[in-house]
Structures are given as structure tokens and as C-alpha cells.
Full PDB file with SEQRES, HELIX, SHEET, SSBOND, CRYST1, ORIGX, SCALE, CONECT and MASTER records, all heavy atoms in Angstrom:
SEQRES   1 A   41  LYS ARG ARG ALA ASP LEU LEU LYS VAL PHE LEU ARG THR          
SEQRES   2 A   41  ASP GLU GLU LEU ALA THR GLU ILE ARG ARG THR ILE VAL          
SEQRES   3 A   41  GLU ARG PHE PHE PRO LEU SER HIS GLU ALA VAL LYS VAL          
SEQRES   4 A   41  THR VAL                                                      
HELIX    1 AA1 ARG A    2  PHE A   10  1                                   9    
HELIX    2 AA2 ASP A   14  ILE A   21  1                                   8    
HELIX    3 AA3 ARG A   22  VAL A   26  3                                   5    
HELIX    4 AA4 GLU A   27  PHE A   29  1                                   3    
HELIX    5 AA5 HIS A   34  ALA A   36  5                                   3    
CRYST1    1.000    1.000    1.000  90.00  90.00  90.00 P 1           1          
ORIGX1      1.000000  0.000000  0.000000        0.00000                         
ORIGX2      0.000000  1.000000  0.000000        0.00000                         
ORIGX3      0.000000  0.000000  1.000000        0.00000                         
SCALE1      1.000000  0.000000  0.000000        0.00000                         
SCALE2      0.000000  1.000000  0.000000        0.00000                         
SCALE3      0.000000  0.000000  1.000000        0.00000                         
ATOM      1  N   LYS A   1       0.864  -1.215  -0.013  1.00  0.00           N  
ATOM      2  CA  LYS A   1      -0.012  -0.060  -0.016  1.00  0.00           C  
ATOM      3  C   LYS A   1       0.889   1.204  -0.007  1.00  0.00           C  
ATOM      4  O   LYS A   1       0.604   2.202  -0.704  1.00  0.00           O  
ATOM      5  CB  LYS A   1      -0.908   0.006   1.196  1.00  0.00           C  
ATOM      6  CG  LYS A   1      -1.806   1.196   1.160  1.00  0.00           C  
ATOM      7  CD  LYS A   1      -2.904   1.006   2.288  1.00  0.00           C  
ATOM      8  CE  LYS A   1      -3.782   2.176   2.480  1.00  0.00           C  
ATOM      9  NZ  LYS A   1      -4.393   2.873   1.465  1.00  0.00           N  
ATOM     10  N   ARG A   2       1.992   1.311   0.666  1.00  0.00           N  
ATOM     11  CA  ARG A   2       2.783   2.456   0.732  1.00  0.00           C  
ATOM     12  C   ARG A   2       3.488   2.645  -0.646  1.00  0.00           C  
ATOM     13  O   ARG A   2       3.523   3.804  -1.101  1.00  0.00           O  
ATOM     14  CB  ARG A   2       3.934   2.296   1.764  1.00  0.00           C  
ATOM     15  CG  ARG A   2       3.432   2.344   3.249  1.00  0.00           C  
ATOM     16  CD  ARG A   2       4.580   2.322   4.102  1.00  0.00           C  
ATOM     17  NE  ARG A   2       4.075   2.166   5.481  1.00  0.00           N  
ATOM     18  CZ  ARG A   2       4.800   1.841   6.491  1.00  0.00           C  
ATOM     19  NH1 ARG A   2       6.130   1.620   6.351  1.00  0.00           N  
ATOM     20  NH2 ARG A   2       4.352   1.779   7.682  1.00  0.00           N  
ATOM     21  N   ARG A   3       3.913   1.626  -1.307  1.00  0.00           N  
ATOM     22  CA  ARG A   3       4.471   1.780  -2.676  1.00  0.00           C  
ATOM     23  C   ARG A   3       3.368   2.337  -3.592  1.00  0.00           C  
ATOM     24  O   ARG A   3       3.623   3.211  -4.435  1.00  0.00           O  
ATOM     25  CB  ARG A   3       4.982   0.448  -3.117  1.00  0.00           C  
ATOM     26  CG  ARG A   3       6.252   0.118  -2.633  1.00  0.00           C  
ATOM     27  CD  ARG A   3       6.756  -1.033  -3.336  1.00  0.00           C  
ATOM     28  NE  ARG A   3       7.496  -1.885  -2.387  1.00  0.00           N  
ATOM     29  CZ  ARG A   3       7.750  -3.129  -2.419  1.00  0.00           C  
ATOM     30  NH1 ARG A   3       7.356  -3.787  -3.469  1.00  0.00           N  
ATOM     31  NH2 ARG A   3       8.418  -3.757  -1.564  1.00  0.00           N  
ATOM     32  N   ALA A   4       2.150   1.775  -3.472  1.00  0.00           N  
ATOM     33  CA  ALA A   4       1.061   2.336  -4.318  1.00  0.00           C  
ATOM     34  C   ALA A   4       0.776   3.737  -4.084  1.00  0.00           C  
ATOM     35  O   ALA A   4       0.529   4.584  -5.046  1.00  0.00           O  
ATOM     36  CB  ALA A   4      -0.192   1.466  -4.125  1.00  0.00           C  
ATOM     37  N   ASP A   5       0.853   4.221  -2.812  1.00  0.00           N  
ATOM     38  CA  ASP A   5       0.653   5.550  -2.538  1.00  0.00           C  
ATOM     39  C   ASP A   5       1.657   6.445  -3.016  1.00  0.00           C  
ATOM     40  O   ASP A   5       1.465   7.501  -3.509  1.00  0.00           O  
ATOM     41  CB  ASP A   5       0.574   5.702  -0.971  1.00  0.00           C  
ATOM     42  CG  ASP A   5      -0.672   5.195  -0.296  1.00  0.00           C  
ATOM     43  OD1 ASP A   5      -1.603   4.900  -0.981  1.00  0.00           O  
ATOM     44  OD2 ASP A   5      -0.598   4.902   0.943  1.00  0.00           O  
ATOM     45  N   LEU A   6       2.940   6.044  -3.028  1.00  0.00           N  
ATOM     46  CA  LEU A   6       4.001   6.808  -3.650  1.00  0.00           C  
ATOM     47  C   LEU A   6       3.879   6.891  -5.147  1.00  0.00           C  
ATOM     48  O   LEU A   6       4.113   7.901  -5.688  1.00  0.00           O  
ATOM     49  CB  LEU A   6       5.320   6.116  -3.249  1.00  0.00           C  
ATOM     50  CG  LEU A   6       5.811   6.228  -1.781  1.00  0.00           C  
ATOM     51  CD1 LEU A   6       7.063   5.449  -1.556  1.00  0.00           C  
ATOM     52  CD2 LEU A   6       6.011   7.677  -1.432  1.00  0.00           C  
ATOM     53  N   LEU A   7       3.505   5.838  -5.769  1.00  0.00           N  
ATOM     54  CA  LEU A   7       3.336   5.847  -7.151  1.00  0.00           C  
ATOM     55  C   LEU A   7       2.067   6.640  -7.696  1.00  0.00           C  
ATOM     56  O   LEU A   7       2.162   7.148  -8.826  1.00  0.00           O  
ATOM     57  CB  LEU A   7       3.151   4.441  -7.726  1.00  0.00           C  
ATOM     58  CG  LEU A   7       4.554   3.721  -7.584  1.00  0.00           C  
ATOM     59  CD1 LEU A   7       4.312   2.209  -8.041  1.00  0.00           C  
ATOM     60  CD2 LEU A   7       5.647   4.179  -8.392  1.00  0.00           C  
ATOM     61  N   LYS A   8       1.083   6.718  -6.734  1.00  0.00           N  
ATOM     62  CA  LYS A   8       0.018   7.496  -7.226  1.00  0.00           C  
ATOM     63  C   LYS A   8       0.282   8.979  -7.558  1.00  0.00           C  
ATOM     64  O   LYS A   8      -0.392   9.464  -8.406  1.00  0.00           O  
ATOM     65  CB  LYS A   8      -1.039   7.455  -5.964  1.00  0.00           C  
ATOM     66  CG  LYS A   8      -2.407   7.882  -6.356  1.00  0.00           C  
ATOM     67  CD  LYS A   8      -3.359   7.951  -5.130  1.00  0.00           C  
ATOM     68  CE  LYS A   8      -3.516   6.487  -4.631  1.00  0.00           C  
ATOM     69  NZ  LYS A   8      -4.419   6.433  -3.493  1.00  0.00           N  
ATOM     70  N   VAL A   9       1.306   9.524  -6.918  1.00  0.00           N  
ATOM     71  CA  VAL A   9       1.649  10.861  -7.174  1.00  0.00           C  
ATOM     72  C   VAL A   9       2.071  10.948  -8.694  1.00  0.00           C  
ATOM     73  O   VAL A   9       1.718  11.956  -9.329  1.00  0.00           O  
ATOM     74  CB  VAL A   9       2.882  11.305  -6.248  1.00  0.00           C  
ATOM     75  CG1 VAL A   9       3.413  12.702  -6.767  1.00  0.00           C  
ATOM     76  CG2 VAL A   9       2.335  11.461  -4.870  1.00  0.00           C  
ATOM     77  N   PHE A  10       2.732   9.997  -9.188  1.00  0.00           N  
ATOM     78  CA  PHE A  10       3.246   9.994 -10.552  1.00  0.00           C  
ATOM     79  C   PHE A  10       2.168   9.578 -11.580  1.00  0.00           C  
ATOM     80  O   PHE A  10       2.362   9.701 -12.811  1.00  0.00           O  
ATOM     81  CB  PHE A  10       4.459   9.160 -10.696  1.00  0.00           C  
ATOM     82  CG  PHE A  10       5.592   9.741  -9.846  1.00  0.00           C  
ATOM     83  CD1 PHE A  10       5.943   9.115  -8.686  1.00  0.00           C  
ATOM     84  CD2 PHE A  10       6.226  10.934 -10.217  1.00  0.00           C  
ATOM     85  CE1 PHE A  10       6.955   9.701  -7.772  1.00  0.00           C  
ATOM     86  CE2 PHE A  10       7.253  11.454  -9.403  1.00  0.00           C  
ATOM     87  CZ  PHE A  10       7.602  10.870  -8.214  1.00  0.00           C  
ATOM     88  N   LEU A  11       1.100   9.083 -11.085  1.00  0.00           N  
ATOM     89  CA  LEU A  11       0.009   8.589 -11.918  1.00  0.00           C  
ATOM     90  C   LEU A  11      -1.122   9.610 -12.088  1.00  0.00           C  
ATOM     91  O   LEU A  11      -2.113   9.303 -12.696  1.00  0.00           O  
ATOM     92  CB  LEU A  11      -0.531   7.302 -11.414  1.00  0.00           C  
ATOM     93  CG  LEU A  11       0.465   6.089 -11.283  1.00  0.00           C  
ATOM     94  CD1 LEU A  11      -0.182   4.984 -10.717  1.00  0.00           C  
ATOM     95  CD2 LEU A  11       1.002   5.769 -12.666  1.00  0.00           C  
ATOM     96  N   ARG A  12      -0.890  10.849 -11.576  1.00  0.00           N  
ATOM     97  CA  ARG A  12      -1.921  11.819 -11.631  1.00  0.00           C  
ATOM     98  C   ARG A  12      -1.899  12.431 -13.045  1.00  0.00           C  
ATOM     99  O   ARG A  12      -0.859  12.491 -13.780  1.00  0.00           O  
ATOM    100  CB  ARG A  12      -1.652  12.908 -10.701  1.00  0.00           C  
ATOM    101  CG  ARG A  12      -1.712  12.496  -9.273  1.00  0.00           C  
ATOM    102  CD  ARG A  12      -1.124  13.444  -8.262  1.00  0.00           C  
ATOM    103  NE  ARG A  12      -1.804  14.781  -8.363  1.00  0.00           N  
ATOM    104  CZ  ARG A  12      -1.336  15.789  -7.723  1.00  0.00           C  
ATOM    105  NH1 ARG A  12      -0.257  15.824  -7.099  1.00  0.00           N  
ATOM    106  NH2 ARG A  12      -2.063  16.999  -7.844  1.00  0.00           N  
ATOM    107  N   THR A  13      -3.112  12.737 -13.568  1.00  0.00           N  
ATOM    108  CA  THR A  13      -3.186  13.225 -15.010  1.00  0.00           C  
ATOM    109  C   THR A  13      -2.749  14.690 -14.988  1.00  0.00           C  
ATOM    110  O   THR A  13      -2.703  15.353 -13.967  1.00  0.00           O  
ATOM    111  CB  THR A  13      -4.656  13.137 -15.503  1.00  0.00           C  
ATOM    112  OG1 THR A  13      -5.446  14.044 -14.712  1.00  0.00           O  
ATOM    113  CG2 THR A  13      -5.170  11.625 -15.421  1.00  0.00           C  
ATOM    114  N   ASP A  14      -2.375  15.148 -16.170  1.00  0.00           N  
ATOM    115  CA  ASP A  14      -1.938  16.525 -16.441  1.00  0.00           C  
ATOM    116  C   ASP A  14      -3.214  17.422 -15.977  1.00  0.00           C  
ATOM    117  O   ASP A  14      -2.859  18.554 -15.390  1.00  0.00           O  
ATOM    118  CB  ASP A  14      -1.618  16.803 -17.779  1.00  0.00           C  
ATOM    119  CG  ASP A  14      -0.271  16.086 -18.205  1.00  0.00           C  
ATOM    120  OD1 ASP A  14       0.553  15.828 -17.248  1.00  0.00           O  
ATOM    121  OD2 ASP A  14      -0.054  15.878 -19.458  1.00  0.00           O  
ATOM    122  N   GLU A  15      -4.296  17.083 -16.173  1.00  0.00           N  
ATOM    123  CA  GLU A  15      -5.526  17.859 -15.875  1.00  0.00           C  
ATOM    124  C   GLU A  15      -5.634  18.030 -14.326  1.00  0.00           C  
ATOM    125  O   GLU A  15      -5.933  19.068 -13.766  1.00  0.00           O  
ATOM    126  CB  GLU A  15      -6.761  17.399 -16.519  1.00  0.00           C  
ATOM    127  CG  GLU A  15      -7.894  18.402 -16.234  1.00  0.00           C  
ATOM    128  CD  GLU A  15      -7.707  19.817 -16.643  1.00  0.00           C  
ATOM    129  OE1 GLU A  15      -7.097  20.080 -17.704  1.00  0.00           O  
ATOM    130  OE2 GLU A  15      -8.023  20.795 -15.898  1.00  0.00           O  
ATOM    131  N   GLU A  16      -5.395  16.941 -13.598  1.00  0.00           N  
ATOM    132  CA  GLU A  16      -5.456  16.979 -12.220  1.00  0.00           C  
ATOM    133  C   GLU A  16      -4.319  17.799 -11.679  1.00  0.00           C  
ATOM    134  O   GLU A  16      -4.597  18.618 -10.699  1.00  0.00           O  
ATOM    135  CB  GLU A  16      -5.273  15.485 -11.574  1.00  0.00           C  
ATOM    136  CG  GLU A  16      -6.426  14.643 -11.875  1.00  0.00           C  
ATOM    137  CD  GLU A  16      -6.238  13.209 -11.425  1.00  0.00           C  
ATOM    138  OE1 GLU A  16      -5.048  12.675 -11.578  1.00  0.00           O  
ATOM    139  OE2 GLU A  16      -7.117  12.530 -10.921  1.00  0.00           O  
ATOM    140  N   LEU A  17      -3.211  17.790 -12.283  1.00  0.00           N  
ATOM    141  CA  LEU A  17      -2.058  18.706 -11.789  1.00  0.00           C  
ATOM    142  C   LEU A  17      -2.417  20.163 -11.993  1.00  0.00           C  
ATOM    143  O   LEU A  17      -2.258  21.042 -11.184  1.00  0.00           O  
ATOM    144  CB  LEU A  17      -0.770  18.281 -12.436  1.00  0.00           C  
ATOM    145  CG  LEU A  17      -0.196  16.948 -12.061  1.00  0.00           C  
ATOM    146  CD1 LEU A  17       0.884  16.560 -13.069  1.00  0.00           C  
ATOM    147  CD2 LEU A  17       0.285  16.936 -10.712  1.00  0.00           C  
ATOM    148  N   ALA A  18      -2.918  20.475 -13.216  1.00  0.00           N  
ATOM    149  CA  ALA A  18      -3.277  21.755 -13.556  1.00  0.00           C  
ATOM    150  C   ALA A  18      -4.467  22.379 -12.636  1.00  0.00           C  
ATOM    151  O   ALA A  18      -4.408  23.472 -12.097  1.00  0.00           O  
ATOM    152  CB  ALA A  18      -3.811  21.886 -15.019  1.00  0.00           C  
ATOM    153  N   THR A  19      -5.337  21.463 -12.280  1.00  0.00           N  
ATOM    154  CA  THR A  19      -6.463  21.879 -11.418  1.00  0.00           C  
ATOM    155  C   THR A  19      -5.931  22.230 -10.052  1.00  0.00           C  
ATOM    156  O   THR A  19      -6.304  23.241  -9.379  1.00  0.00           O  
ATOM    157  CB  THR A  19      -7.535  20.723 -11.285  1.00  0.00           C  
ATOM    158  OG1 THR A  19      -8.066  20.568 -12.527  1.00  0.00           O  
ATOM    159  CG2 THR A  19      -8.664  21.131 -10.281  1.00  0.00           C  
ATOM    160  N   GLU A  20      -4.968  21.421  -9.476  1.00  0.00           N  
ATOM    161  CA  GLU A  20      -4.356  21.687  -8.223  1.00  0.00           C  
ATOM    162  C   GLU A  20      -3.619  22.945  -8.235  1.00  0.00           C  
ATOM    163  O   GLU A  20      -3.730  23.800  -7.255  1.00  0.00           O  
ATOM    164  CB  GLU A  20      -3.426  20.525  -7.780  1.00  0.00           C  
ATOM    165  CG  GLU A  20      -2.713  20.774  -6.462  1.00  0.00           C  
ATOM    166  CD  GLU A  20      -1.773  19.631  -5.983  1.00  0.00           C  
ATOM    167  OE1 GLU A  20      -1.942  18.533  -6.497  1.00  0.00           O  
ATOM    168  OE2 GLU A  20      -0.956  20.039  -5.097  1.00  0.00           O  
ATOM    169  N   ILE A  21      -2.879  23.259  -9.291  1.00  0.00           N  
ATOM    170  CA  ILE A  21      -2.089  24.496  -9.394  1.00  0.00           C  
ATOM    171  C   ILE A  21      -3.003  25.636  -9.441  1.00  0.00           C  
ATOM    172  O   ILE A  21      -2.822  26.669  -8.713  1.00  0.00           O  
ATOM    173  CB  ILE A  21      -1.237  24.528 -10.681  1.00  0.00           C  
ATOM    174  CG1 ILE A  21      -0.048  23.380 -10.502  1.00  0.00           C  
ATOM    175  CG2 ILE A  21      -0.573  25.796 -10.853  1.00  0.00           C  
ATOM    176  CD1 ILE A  21       0.522  22.999 -11.794  1.00  0.00           C  
ATOM    177  N   ARG A  22      -4.133  25.652 -10.217  1.00  0.00           N  
ATOM    178  CA  ARG A  22      -5.161  26.740 -10.276  1.00  0.00           C  
ATOM    179  C   ARG A  22      -5.693  27.043  -8.891  1.00  0.00           C  
ATOM    180  O   ARG A  22      -5.791  28.078  -8.415  1.00  0.00           O  
ATOM    181  CB  ARG A  22      -6.227  26.287 -11.210  1.00  0.00           C  
ATOM    182  CG  ARG A  22      -5.940  26.572 -12.640  1.00  0.00           C  
ATOM    183  CD  ARG A  22      -7.255  26.298 -13.490  1.00  0.00           C  
ATOM    184  NE  ARG A  22      -6.837  25.882 -14.776  1.00  0.00           N  
ATOM    185  CZ  ARG A  22      -6.853  24.580 -15.153  1.00  0.00           C  
ATOM    186  NH1 ARG A  22      -7.286  23.635 -14.310  1.00  0.00           N  
ATOM    187  NH2 ARG A  22      -6.421  24.231 -16.364  1.00  0.00           N  
ATOM    188  N   ARG A  23      -6.094  25.929  -8.227  1.00  0.00           N  
ATOM    189  CA  ARG A  23      -6.784  26.005  -6.899  1.00  0.00           C  
ATOM    190  C   ARG A  23      -5.926  26.469  -5.778  1.00  0.00           C  
ATOM    191  O   ARG A  23      -6.248  27.392  -5.002  1.00  0.00           O  
ATOM    192  CB  ARG A  23      -7.493  24.668  -6.565  1.00  0.00           C  
ATOM    193  CG  ARG A  23      -8.328  24.677  -5.306  1.00  0.00           C  
ATOM    194  CD  ARG A  23      -8.987  23.360  -5.107  1.00  0.00           C  
ATOM    195  NE  ARG A  23      -8.145  22.166  -5.345  1.00  0.00           N  
ATOM    196  CZ  ARG A  23      -7.276  21.639  -4.578  1.00  0.00           C  
ATOM    197  NH1 ARG A  23      -7.047  22.164  -3.413  1.00  0.00           N  
ATOM    198  NH2 ARG A  23      -6.584  20.639  -4.896  1.00  0.00           N  
ATOM    199  N   THR A  24      -4.705  25.811  -5.665  1.00  0.00           N  
ATOM    200  CA  THR A  24      -3.871  26.062  -4.500  1.00  0.00           C  
ATOM    201  C   THR A  24      -2.901  27.185  -4.689  1.00  0.00           C  
ATOM    202  O   THR A  24      -2.390  27.701  -3.750  1.00  0.00           O  
ATOM    203  CB  THR A  24      -3.104  24.780  -4.025  1.00  0.00           C  
ATOM    204  OG1 THR A  24      -2.262  24.367  -5.136  1.00  0.00           O  
ATOM    205  CG2 THR A  24      -4.047  23.675  -3.774  1.00  0.00           C  
ATOM    206  N   ILE A  25      -2.593  27.586  -5.869  1.00  0.00           N  
ATOM    207  CA  ILE A  25      -1.574  28.593  -6.099  1.00  0.00           C  
ATOM    208  C   ILE A  25      -2.112  29.868  -6.750  1.00  0.00           C  
ATOM    209  O   ILE A  25      -2.147  30.901  -6.243  1.00  0.00           O  
ATOM    210  CB  ILE A  25      -0.361  28.095  -6.956  1.00  0.00           C  
ATOM    211  CG1 ILE A  25       0.219  26.914  -6.150  1.00  0.00           C  
ATOM    212  CG2 ILE A  25       0.702  29.194  -7.182  1.00  0.00           C  
ATOM    213  CD1 ILE A  25       1.315  26.110  -6.878  1.00  0.00           C  
ATOM    214  N   VAL A  26      -2.718  29.684  -8.062  1.00  0.00           N  
ATOM    215  CA  VAL A  26      -3.125  30.757  -8.802  1.00  0.00           C  
ATOM    216  C   VAL A  26      -4.294  31.546  -8.069  1.00  0.00           C  
ATOM    217  O   VAL A  26      -4.239  32.769  -7.957  1.00  0.00           O  
ATOM    218  CB  VAL A  26      -3.555  30.429 -10.170  1.00  0.00           C  
ATOM    219  CG1 VAL A  26      -4.141  31.543 -10.913  1.00  0.00           C  
ATOM    220  CG2 VAL A  26      -2.352  29.890 -10.911  1.00  0.00           C  
ATOM    221  N   GLU A  27      -5.237  30.853  -7.680  1.00  0.00           N  
ATOM    222  CA  GLU A  27      -6.430  31.469  -6.995  1.00  0.00           C  
ATOM    223  C   GLU A  27      -6.085  32.160  -5.623  1.00  0.00           C  
ATOM    224  O   GLU A  27      -6.643  33.212  -5.287  1.00  0.00           O  
ATOM    225  CB  GLU A  27      -7.560  30.480  -6.786  1.00  0.00           C  
ATOM    226  CG  GLU A  27      -8.222  30.091  -8.102  1.00  0.00           C  
ATOM    227  CD  GLU A  27      -9.338  29.126  -7.988  1.00  0.00           C  
ATOM    228  OE1 GLU A  27      -9.744  28.869  -6.718  1.00  0.00           O  
ATOM    229  OE2 GLU A  27      -9.824  28.603  -8.929  1.00  0.00           O  
ATOM    230  N   ARG A  28      -5.099  31.532  -4.903  1.00  0.00           N  
ATOM    231  CA  ARG A  28      -4.650  32.137  -3.627  1.00  0.00           C  
ATOM    232  C   ARG A  28      -3.845  33.370  -3.791  1.00  0.00           C  
ATOM    233  O   ARG A  28      -3.878  34.358  -3.063  1.00  0.00           O  
ATOM    234  CB  ARG A  28      -3.954  31.138  -2.821  1.00  0.00           C  
ATOM    235  CG  ARG A  28      -4.953  30.084  -2.285  1.00  0.00           C  
ATOM    236  CD  ARG A  28      -4.190  29.109  -1.376  1.00  0.00           C  
ATOM    237  NE  ARG A  28      -5.180  28.123  -0.813  1.00  0.00           N  
ATOM    238  CZ  ARG A  28      -4.826  27.231  -0.010  1.00  0.00           C  
ATOM    239  NH1 ARG A  28      -3.518  27.033   0.325  1.00  0.00           N  
ATOM    240  NH2 ARG A  28      -5.710  26.393   0.366  1.00  0.00           N  
ATOM    241  N   PHE A  29      -2.904  33.256  -4.637  1.00  0.00           N  
ATOM    242  CA  PHE A  29      -1.886  34.328  -4.863  1.00  0.00           C  
ATOM    243  C   PHE A  29      -2.244  35.563  -5.713  1.00  0.00           C  
ATOM    244  O   PHE A  29      -1.802  36.627  -5.578  1.00  0.00           O  
ATOM    245  CB  PHE A  29      -0.537  33.788  -5.458  1.00  0.00           C  
ATOM    246  CG  PHE A  29       0.264  33.151  -4.354  1.00  0.00           C  
ATOM    247  CD1 PHE A  29       0.158  31.812  -4.086  1.00  0.00           C  
ATOM    248  CD2 PHE A  29       1.195  33.845  -3.562  1.00  0.00           C  
ATOM    249  CE1 PHE A  29       0.851  31.198  -3.131  1.00  0.00           C  
ATOM    250  CE2 PHE A  29       1.863  33.234  -2.617  1.00  0.00           C  
ATOM    251  CZ  PHE A  29       1.759  31.843  -2.339  1.00  0.00           C  
ATOM    252  N   PHE A  30      -3.241  35.214  -6.631  1.00  0.00           N  
ATOM    253  CA  PHE A  30      -3.715  36.289  -7.525  1.00  0.00           C  
ATOM    254  C   PHE A  30      -5.248  36.312  -7.560  1.00  0.00           C  
ATOM    255  O   PHE A  30      -5.901  36.158  -8.584  1.00  0.00           O  
ATOM    256  CB  PHE A  30      -3.204  36.002  -9.002  1.00  0.00           C  
ATOM    257  CG  PHE A  30      -1.703  35.787  -9.076  1.00  0.00           C  
ATOM    258  CD1 PHE A  30      -1.179  34.525  -9.241  1.00  0.00           C  
ATOM    259  CD2 PHE A  30      -0.845  36.875  -8.805  1.00  0.00           C  
ATOM    260  CE1 PHE A  30       0.250  34.361  -9.357  1.00  0.00           C  
ATOM    261  CE2 PHE A  30       0.520  36.729  -8.840  1.00  0.00           C  
ATOM    262  CZ  PHE A  30       1.068  35.454  -9.153  1.00  0.00           C  
ATOM    263  N   PRO A  31      -5.770  36.597  -6.335  1.00  0.00           N  
ATOM    264  CA  PRO A  31      -7.276  36.552  -6.290  1.00  0.00           C  
ATOM    265  C   PRO A  31      -8.025  37.535  -7.214  1.00  0.00           C  
ATOM    266  O   PRO A  31      -9.142  37.266  -7.590  1.00  0.00           O  
ATOM    267  CB  PRO A  31      -7.552  36.865  -4.740  1.00  0.00           C  
ATOM    268  CG  PRO A  31      -6.338  37.606  -4.337  1.00  0.00           C  
ATOM    269  CD  PRO A  31      -5.160  37.004  -5.160  1.00  0.00           C  
ATOM    270  N   LEU A  32      -7.355  38.637  -7.485  1.00  0.00           N  
ATOM    271  CA  LEU A  32      -8.057  39.693  -8.355  1.00  0.00           C  
ATOM    272  C   LEU A  32      -7.808  39.390  -9.859  1.00  0.00           C  
ATOM    273  O   LEU A  32      -8.615  39.910 -10.695  1.00  0.00           O  
ATOM    274  CB  LEU A  32      -7.521  41.044  -7.939  1.00  0.00           C  
ATOM    275  CG  LEU A  32      -7.814  41.534  -6.569  1.00  0.00           C  
ATOM    276  CD1 LEU A  32      -7.162  42.924  -6.292  1.00  0.00           C  
ATOM    277  CD2 LEU A  32      -9.295  41.508  -6.258  1.00  0.00           C  
ATOM    278  N   SER A  33      -6.828  38.641 -10.121  1.00  0.00           N  
ATOM    279  CA  SER A  33      -6.521  38.463 -11.587  1.00  0.00           C  
ATOM    280  C   SER A  33      -6.393  36.902 -11.977  1.00  0.00           C  
ATOM    281  O   SER A  33      -5.909  36.693 -13.055  1.00  0.00           O  
ATOM    282  CB  SER A  33      -5.263  39.151 -11.966  1.00  0.00           C  
ATOM    283  OG  SER A  33      -4.152  38.827 -11.174  1.00  0.00           O  
ATOM    284  N   HIS A  34      -6.833  36.071 -11.065  1.00  0.00           N  
ATOM    285  CA  HIS A  34      -6.662  34.653 -11.396  1.00  0.00           C  
ATOM    286  C   HIS A  34      -7.405  34.121 -12.615  1.00  0.00           C  
ATOM    287  O   HIS A  34      -6.944  33.219 -13.242  1.00  0.00           O  
ATOM    288  CB  HIS A  34      -7.077  33.777 -10.231  1.00  0.00           C  
ATOM    289  CG  HIS A  34      -8.583  33.738  -9.993  1.00  0.00           C  
ATOM    290  ND1 HIS A  34      -9.264  34.557  -9.150  1.00  0.00           N  
ATOM    291  CD2 HIS A  34      -9.501  32.768 -10.393  1.00  0.00           C  
ATOM    292  CE1 HIS A  34     -10.492  34.318  -9.222  1.00  0.00           C  
ATOM    293  NE2 HIS A  34     -10.687  33.249  -9.893  1.00  0.00           N  
ATOM    294  N   GLU A  35      -8.443  34.859 -13.045  1.00  0.00           N  
ATOM    295  CA  GLU A  35      -9.175  34.414 -14.225  1.00  0.00           C  
ATOM    296  C   GLU A  35      -8.360  34.777 -15.460  1.00  0.00           C  
ATOM    297  O   GLU A  35      -8.645  34.128 -16.539  1.00  0.00           O  
ATOM    298  CB  GLU A  35     -10.565  35.064 -14.280  1.00  0.00           C  
ATOM    299  CG  GLU A  35     -11.485  34.493 -13.178  1.00  0.00           C  
ATOM    300  CD  GLU A  35     -12.810  35.240 -13.162  1.00  0.00           C  
ATOM    301  OE1 GLU A  35     -13.089  36.084 -14.057  1.00  0.00           O  
ATOM    302  OE2 GLU A  35     -13.650  34.821 -12.380  1.00  0.00           O  
ATOM    303  N   ALA A  36      -7.472  35.633 -15.370  1.00  0.00           N  
ATOM    304  CA  ALA A  36      -6.527  35.968 -16.474  1.00  0.00           C  
ATOM    305  C   ALA A  36      -5.350  35.113 -16.749  1.00  0.00           C  
ATOM    306  O   ALA A  36      -4.575  35.272 -17.583  1.00  0.00           O  
ATOM    307  CB  ALA A  36      -6.115  37.419 -16.455  1.00  0.00           C  
ATOM    308  N   VAL A  37      -5.129  34.081 -15.740  1.00  0.00           N  
ATOM    309  CA  VAL A  37      -4.033  33.151 -15.796  1.00  0.00           C  
ATOM    310  C   VAL A  37      -4.456  31.836 -16.361  1.00  0.00           C  
ATOM    311  O   VAL A  37      -5.409  31.323 -15.882  1.00  0.00           O  
ATOM    312  CB  VAL A  37      -3.483  33.071 -14.354  1.00  0.00           C  
ATOM    313  CG1 VAL A  37      -2.323  32.025 -14.394  1.00  0.00           C  
ATOM    314  CG2 VAL A  37      -3.016  34.419 -13.759  1.00  0.00           C  
ATOM    315  N   LYS A  38      -3.681  31.380 -17.341  1.00  0.00           N  
ATOM    316  CA  LYS A  38      -4.036  30.130 -17.846  1.00  0.00           C  
ATOM    317  C   LYS A  38      -2.861  29.126 -17.439  1.00  0.00           C  
ATOM    318  O   LYS A  38      -1.740  29.437 -17.374  1.00  0.00           O  
ATOM    319  CB  LYS A  38      -3.940  30.198 -19.412  1.00  0.00           C  
ATOM    320  CG  LYS A  38      -4.248  28.880 -20.117  1.00  0.00           C  
ATOM    321  CD  LYS A  38      -4.235  29.071 -21.606  1.00  0.00           C  
ATOM    322  CE  LYS A  38      -4.428  27.671 -22.273  1.00  0.00           C  
ATOM    323  NZ  LYS A  38      -4.352  27.790 -23.710  1.00  0.00           N  
ATOM    324  N   VAL A  39      -3.404  27.977 -16.910  1.00  0.00           N  
ATOM    325  CA  VAL A  39      -2.472  26.905 -16.428  1.00  0.00           C  
ATOM    326  C   VAL A  39      -2.611  25.659 -17.335  1.00  0.00           C  
ATOM    327  O   VAL A  39      -3.850  25.254 -17.492  1.00  0.00           O  
ATOM    328  CB  VAL A  39      -2.817  26.529 -15.049  1.00  0.00           C  
ATOM    329  CG1 VAL A  39      -1.869  25.448 -14.498  1.00  0.00           C  
ATOM    330  CG2 VAL A  39      -2.618  27.755 -14.060  1.00  0.00           C  
ATOM    331  N   THR A  40      -1.604  25.247 -17.906  1.00  0.00           N  
ATOM    332  CA  THR A  40      -1.595  24.049 -18.646  1.00  0.00           C  
ATOM    333  C   THR A  40      -0.486  23.121 -18.135  1.00  0.00           C  
ATOM    334  O   THR A  40       0.560  23.617 -17.736  1.00  0.00           O  
ATOM    335  CB  THR A  40      -1.456  24.227 -20.171  1.00  0.00           C  
ATOM    336  OG1 THR A  40      -0.254  24.865 -20.439  1.00  0.00           O  
ATOM    337  CG2 THR A  40      -2.631  25.047 -20.737  1.00  0.00           C  
ATOM    338  N   VAL A  41      -0.853  21.813 -18.211  1.00  0.00           N  
ATOM    339  CA  VAL A  41       0.269  20.843 -17.914  1.00  0.00           C  
ATOM    340  C   VAL A  41       0.279  19.813 -18.983  1.00  0.00           C  
ATOM    341  O   VAL A  41      -0.770  19.303 -19.368  1.00  0.00           O  
ATOM    342  CB  VAL A  41      -0.015  20.217 -16.445  1.00  0.00           C  
ATOM    343  CG1 VAL A  41       1.009  19.162 -16.227  1.00  0.00           C  
ATOM    344  CG2 VAL A  41      -0.106  21.235 -15.358  1.00  0.00           C  
TER     345      VAL A  41                                                      
MASTER        0    0    0    5    0    0    0    6  344    1    0    4          
END                                                                             
């Protein structure tokens, strides 16, 4: 189970990564202009 948990990080889709970046970084750091920021992975 521990190995599977470690590998799960690398099995995330590009869209999952982009969603996390939008939610945890872009929306928090740029609350007034986050809609003008495009994130692609």
C-alpha cells in the first residue's frame, strides 16, 4: 500500500495537476486576476 501511495503521485493526470495549481496557487496568490491566468500541464 505504501508503494502504491508513492506511485499514485506520478500517476496523476496532467489535468489533475493543472487543477491543483489553479486552486492552490493561482487563486490564492492572484485573487483579483486569477481568471486571466492560464495553467496548462
